[in-house]
Amino acid sequence: MCFRRARPLEKMLESGLLIADPPRAEWERGGRVRYSVNGELVSLLYLQLGQALRIL
């Protein structure tokens, strides 16, 4: 991606926190992409954070 602001989005896609529809391999220039949160992964990471901080 060429825009500076898109870097955090790119990182979240690479890490699996966000899911793109259509998948990145099918993106077309000028096309629309819908993003959704990978709830399972976010919950797992949140749980691990709580355990690391000894909150949970």
PDB file of N, CA and C in Angstrom:
ATOM      1  N   MET A   1       0.842  -1.173   0.000  1.00  0.00           N
ATOM      2  CA  MET A   1       0.000   0.000   0.000  1.00  0.00           C
ATOM      3  C   MET A   1       0.888   1.236   0.000  1.00  0.00           C
ATOM      4  N   CYS A   2       0.448   2.249  -0.658  1.00  0.00           N
ATOM      5  CA  CYS A   2       1.298   3.415  -0.807  1.00  0.00           C
ATOM      6  C   CYS A   2       0.966   4.530   0.179  1.00  0.00           C
ATOM      7  N   PHE A   3      -0.134   4.467   0.890  1.00  0.00           N
ATOM      8  CA  PHE A   3      -0.509   5.528   1.809  1.00  0.00           C
ATOM      9  C   PHE A   3       0.048   5.259   3.200  1.00  0.00           C
ATOM     10  N   ARG A   4       0.607   6.290   3.826  1.00  0.00           N
ATOM     11  CA  ARG A   4       1.183   6.137   5.168  1.00  0.00           C
ATOM     12  C   ARG A   4       0.134   5.727   6.188  1.00  0.00           C
ATOM     13  N   ARG A   5      -1.065   6.270   6.092  1.00  0.00           N
ATOM     14  CA  ARG A   5      -2.110   5.989   7.061  1.00  0.00           C
ATOM     15  C   ARG A   5      -2.570   4.534   7.007  1.00  0.00           C
ATOM     16  N   ALA A   6      -2.315   3.855   5.925  1.00  0.00           N
ATOM     17  CA  ALA A   6      -2.781   2.479   5.761  1.00  0.00           C
ATOM     18  C   ALA A   6      -1.882   1.469   6.470  1.00  0.00           C
ATOM     19  N   ARG A   7      -0.750   1.882   6.969  1.00  0.00           N
ATOM     20  CA  ARG A   7       0.165   0.935   7.604  1.00  0.00           C
ATOM     21  C   ARG A   7      -0.449   0.197   8.784  1.00  0.00           C
ATOM     22  N   PRO A   8      -1.148   0.884   9.712  1.00  0.00           N
ATOM     23  CA  PRO A   8      -1.763   0.126  10.817  1.00  0.00           C
ATOM     24  C   PRO A   8      -2.786  -0.899  10.311  1.00  0.00           C
ATOM     25  N   LEU A   9      -3.544  -0.535   9.292  1.00  0.00           N
ATOM     26  CA  LEU A   9      -4.509  -1.452   8.700  1.00  0.00           C
ATOM     27  C   LEU A   9      -3.789  -2.662   8.114  1.00  0.00           C
ATOM     28  N   GLU A  10      -2.709  -2.405   7.430  1.00  0.00           N
ATOM     29  CA  GLU A  10      -1.902  -3.470   6.827  1.00  0.00           C
ATOM     30  C   GLU A  10      -1.374  -4.416   7.910  1.00  0.00           C
ATOM     31  N   LYS A  11      -0.891  -3.856   9.013  1.00  0.00           N
ATOM     32  CA  LYS A  11      -0.365  -4.672  10.112  1.00  0.00           C
ATOM     33  C   LYS A  11      -1.460  -5.538  10.730  1.00  0.00           C
ATOM     34  N   MET A  12      -2.675  -4.976  10.900  1.00  0.00           N
ATOM     35  CA  MET A  12      -3.772  -5.748  11.474  1.00  0.00           C
ATOM     36  C   MET A  12      -4.215  -6.865  10.542  1.00  0.00           C
ATOM     37  N   LEU A  13      -4.163  -6.630   9.237  1.00  0.00           N
ATOM     38  CA  LEU A  13      -4.486  -7.681   8.270  1.00  0.00           C
ATOM     39  C   LEU A  13      -3.445  -8.789   8.312  1.00  0.00           C
ATOM     40  N   GLU A  14      -2.172  -8.403   8.350  1.00  0.00           N
ATOM     41  CA  GLU A  14      -1.086  -9.386   8.382  1.00  0.00           C
ATOM     42  C   GLU A  14      -1.132 -10.246   9.643  1.00  0.00           C
ATOM     43  N   SER A  15      -1.530  -9.640  10.763  1.00  0.00           N
ATOM     44  CA  SER A  15      -1.552 -10.373  12.023  1.00  0.00           C
ATOM     45  C   SER A  15      -2.812 -11.218  12.198  1.00  0.00           C
ATOM     46  N   GLY A  16      -3.800 -10.997  11.331  1.00  0.00           N
ATOM     47  CA  GLY A  16      -5.028 -11.773  11.412  1.00  0.00           C
ATOM     48  C   GLY A  16      -6.102 -11.153  12.286  1.00  0.00           C
ATOM     49  N   LEU A  17      -5.852  -9.950  12.835  1.00  0.00           N
ATOM     50  CA  LEU A  17      -6.856  -9.281  13.662  1.00  0.00           C
ATOM     51  C   LEU A  17      -8.050  -8.821  12.841  1.00  0.00           C
ATOM     52  N   LEU A  18      -7.809  -8.488  11.583  1.00  0.00           N
ATOM     53  CA  LEU A  18      -8.884  -8.088  10.676  1.00  0.00           C
ATOM     54  C   LEU A  18      -8.999  -9.096   9.549  1.00  0.00           C
ATOM     55  N   ILE A  19     -10.222  -9.258   9.059  1.00  0.00           N
ATOM     56  CA  ILE A  19     -10.485 -10.145   7.932  1.00  0.00           C
ATOM     57  C   ILE A  19     -11.052  -9.287   6.807  1.00  0.00           C
ATOM     58  N   ALA A  20     -10.444  -9.374   5.637  1.00  0.00           N
ATOM     59  CA  ALA A  20     -10.889  -8.600   4.479  1.00  0.00           C
ATOM     60  C   ALA A  20     -11.833  -9.430   3.625  1.00  0.00           C
ATOM     61  N   ASP A  21     -12.889  -8.772   3.139  1.00  0.00           N
ATOM     62  CA  ASP A  21     -13.826  -9.413   2.222  1.00  0.00           C
ATOM     63  C   ASP A  21     -14.035  -8.471   1.047  1.00  0.00           C
ATOM     64  N   PRO A  22     -13.567  -8.775  -0.129  1.00  0.00           N
ATOM     65  CA  PRO A  22     -12.942 -10.017  -0.569  1.00  0.00           C
ATOM     66  C   PRO A  22     -11.514 -10.140  -0.034  1.00  0.00           C
ATOM     67  N   PRO A  23     -10.980 -11.374  -0.062  1.00  0.00           N
ATOM     68  CA  PRO A  23      -9.596 -11.580   0.389  1.00  0.00           C
ATOM     69  C   PRO A  23      -8.623 -10.728  -0.414  1.00  0.00           C
ATOM     70  N   ARG A  24      -7.490 -10.434   0.185  1.00  0.00           N
ATOM     71  CA  ARG A  24      -6.501  -9.551  -0.447  1.00  0.00           C
ATOM     72  C   ARG A  24      -6.095 -10.005  -1.840  1.00  0.00           C
ATOM     73  N   ALA A  25      -6.031 -11.282  -2.069  1.00  0.00           N
ATOM     74  CA  ALA A  25      -5.622 -11.795  -3.383  1.00  0.00           C
ATOM     75  C   ALA A  25      -6.619 -11.413  -4.476  1.00  0.00           C
ATOM     76  N   GLU A  26      -7.837 -11.063  -4.099  1.00  0.00           N
ATOM     77  CA  GLU A  26      -8.883 -10.738  -5.070  1.00  0.00           C
ATOM     78  C   GLU A  26      -9.166  -9.245  -5.174  1.00  0.00           C
ATOM     79  N   TRP A  27      -8.387  -8.419  -4.495  1.00  0.00           N
ATOM     80  CA  TRP A  27      -8.618  -6.976  -4.541  1.00  0.00           C
ATOM     81  C   TRP A  27      -8.411  -6.442  -5.946  1.00  0.00           C
ATOM     82  N   GLU A  28      -9.251  -5.488  -6.312  1.00  0.00           N
ATOM     83  CA  GLU A  28      -9.122  -4.814  -7.601  1.00  0.00           C
ATOM     84  C   GLU A  28      -8.983  -3.323  -7.338  1.00  0.00           C
ATOM     85  N   ARG A  29      -8.237  -2.657  -8.169  1.00  0.00           N
ATOM     86  CA  ARG A  29      -8.061  -1.214  -8.026  1.00  0.00           C
ATOM     87  C   ARG A  29      -9.424  -0.526  -8.120  1.00  0.00           C
ATOM     88  N   GLY A  30      -9.709   0.316  -7.145  1.00  0.00           N
ATOM     89  CA  GLY A  30     -10.974   1.033  -7.122  1.00  0.00           C
ATOM     90  C   GLY A  30     -12.118   0.232  -6.522  1.00  0.00           C
ATOM     91  N   GLY A  31     -11.865  -1.020  -6.182  1.00  0.00           N
ATOM     92  CA  GLY A  31     -12.901  -1.866  -5.605  1.00  0.00           C
ATOM     93  C   GLY A  31     -13.087  -1.587  -4.119  1.00  0.00           C
ATOM     94  N   ARG A  32     -14.197  -2.035  -3.589  1.00  0.00           N
ATOM     95  CA  ARG A  32     -14.478  -1.853  -2.164  1.00  0.00           C
ATOM     96  C   ARG A  32     -14.092  -3.100  -1.396  1.00  0.00           C
ATOM     97  N   VAL A  33     -13.609  -2.866  -0.190  1.00  0.00           N
ATOM     98  CA  VAL A  33     -13.227  -3.962   0.685  1.00  0.00           C
ATOM     99  C   VAL A  33     -13.971  -3.774   2.007  1.00  0.00           C
ATOM    100  N   ARG A  34     -14.553  -4.832   2.502  1.00  0.00           N
ATOM    101  CA  ARG A  34     -15.235  -4.803   3.795  1.00  0.00           C
ATOM    102  C   ARG A  34     -14.339  -5.522   4.800  1.00  0.00           C
ATOM    103  N   TYR A  35     -14.155  -4.901   5.953  1.00  0.00           N
ATOM    104  CA  TYR A  35     -13.317  -5.466   6.993  1.00  0.00           C
ATOM    105  C   TYR A  35     -14.180  -5.896   8.176  1.00  0.00           C
ATOM    106  N   SER A  36     -13.788  -7.000   8.797  1.00  0.00           N
ATOM    107  CA  SER A  36     -14.438  -7.423  10.026  1.00  0.00           C
ATOM    108  C   SER A  36     -13.350  -7.847  11.011  1.00  0.00           C
ATOM    109  N   VAL A  37     -13.696  -7.800  12.283  1.00  0.00           N
ATOM    110  CA  VAL A  37     -12.748  -8.141  13.337  1.00  0.00           C
ATOM    111  C   VAL A  37     -12.766  -9.645  13.557  1.00  0.00           C
ATOM    112  N   ASN A  38     -11.590 -10.220  13.716  1.00  0.00           N
ATOM    113  CA  ASN A  38     -11.464 -11.632  14.034  1.00  0.00           C
ATOM    114  C   ASN A  38     -11.677 -11.775  15.546  1.00  0.00           C
ATOM    115  N   GLY A  39     -12.925 -11.936  15.943  1.00  0.00           N
ATOM    116  CA  GLY A  39     -13.303 -11.964  17.352  1.00  0.00           C
ATOM    117  C   GLY A  39     -12.605 -13.041  18.160  1.00  0.00           C
ATOM    118  N   GLU A  40     -12.422 -14.213  17.581  1.00  0.00           N
ATOM    119  CA  GLU A  40     -11.738 -15.303  18.292  1.00  0.00           C
ATOM    120  C   GLU A  40     -10.317 -14.911  18.678  1.00  0.00           C
ATOM    121  N   LEU A  41      -9.600 -14.357  17.725  1.00  0.00           N
ATOM    122  CA  LEU A  41      -8.210 -13.979  17.979  1.00  0.00           C
ATOM    123  C   LEU A  41      -8.133 -12.828  18.977  1.00  0.00           C
ATOM    124  N   VAL A  42      -9.008 -11.846  18.841  1.00  0.00           N
ATOM    125  CA  VAL A  42      -9.007 -10.713  19.767  1.00  0.00           C
ATOM    126  C   VAL A  42      -9.295 -11.204  21.186  1.00  0.00           C
ATOM    127  N   SER A  43     -10.266 -12.102  21.341  1.00  0.00           N
ATOM    128  CA  SER A  43     -10.588 -12.649  22.663  1.00  0.00           C
ATOM    129  C   SER A  43      -9.404 -13.406  23.253  1.00  0.00           C
ATOM    130  N   LEU A  44      -8.740 -14.204  22.430  1.00  0.00           N
ATOM    131  CA  LEU A  44      -7.579 -14.959  22.891  1.00  0.00           C
ATOM    132  C   LEU A  44      -6.461 -14.020  23.345  1.00  0.00           C
ATOM    133  N   LEU A  45      -6.177 -13.010  22.551  1.00  0.00           N
ATOM    134  CA  LEU A  45      -5.115 -12.069  22.901  1.00  0.00           C
ATOM    135  C   LEU A  45      -5.467 -11.283  24.159  1.00  0.00           C
ATOM    136  N   TYR A  46      -6.739 -10.922  24.304  1.00  0.00           N
ATOM    137  CA  TYR A  46      -7.195 -10.193  25.484  1.00  0.00           C
ATOM    138  C   TYR A  46      -7.048 -11.066  26.735  1.00  0.00           C
ATOM    139  N   LEU A  47      -7.387 -12.338  26.604  1.00  0.00           N
ATOM    140  CA  LEU A  47      -7.233 -13.278  27.710  1.00  0.00           C
ATOM    141  C   LEU A  47      -5.763 -13.417  28.099  1.00  0.00           C
ATOM    142  N   GLN A  48      -4.902 -13.552  27.109  1.00  0.00           N
ATOM    143  CA  GLN A  48      -3.467 -13.670  27.375  1.00  0.00           C
ATOM    144  C   GLN A  48      -2.921 -12.415  28.043  1.00  0.00           C
ATOM    145  N   LEU A  49      -3.406 -11.257  27.627  1.00  0.00           N
ATOM    146  CA  LEU A  49      -2.977 -10.006  28.242  1.00  0.00           C
ATOM    147  C   LEU A  49      -3.397  -9.970  29.715  1.00  0.00           C
ATOM    148  N   GLY A  50      -4.640 -10.350  29.974  1.00  0.00           N
ATOM    149  CA  GLY A  50      -5.132 -10.380  31.342  1.00  0.00           C
ATOM    150  C   GLY A  50      -4.333 -11.332  32.214  1.00  0.00           C
ATOM    151  N   GLN A  51      -3.990 -12.487  31.665  1.00  0.00           N
ATOM    152  CA  GLN A  51      -3.191 -13.464  32.411  1.00  0.00           C
ATOM    153  C   GLN A  51      -1.782 -12.935  32.671  1.00  0.00           C
ATOM    154  N   ALA A  52      -1.208 -12.273  31.678  1.00  0.00           N
ATOM    155  CA  ALA A  52       0.138 -11.727  31.835  1.00  0.00           C
ATOM    156  C   ALA A  52       0.166 -10.619  32.892  1.00  0.00           C
ATOM    157  N   LEU A  53      -0.920  -9.873  32.983  1.00  0.00           N
ATOM    158  CA  LEU A  53      -1.021  -8.791  33.979  1.00  0.00           C
ATOM    159  C   LEU A  53      -1.576  -9.288  35.304  1.00  0.00           C
ATOM    160  N   ARG A  54      -1.888 -10.588  35.330  1.00  0.00           N
ATOM    161  CA  ARG A  54      -2.474 -11.251  36.510  1.00  0.00           C
ATOM    162  C   ARG A  54      -3.778 -10.593  36.942  1.00  0.00           C
ATOM    163  N   ILE A  55      -4.596 -10.236  35.949  1.00  0.00           N
ATOM    164  CA  ILE A  55      -5.909  -9.653  36.206  1.00  0.00           C
ATOM    165  C   ILE A  55      -6.965 -10.748  36.122  1.00  0.00           C
ATOM    166  N   LEU A  56      -6.759 -11.712  35.240  1.00  0.00           N
ATOM    167  CA  LEU A  56      -7.752 -12.769  35.028  1.00  0.00           C
ATOM    168  C   LEU A  56      -7.318 -14.065  35.662  1.00  0.00           C
TER     169      LEU A  56
END
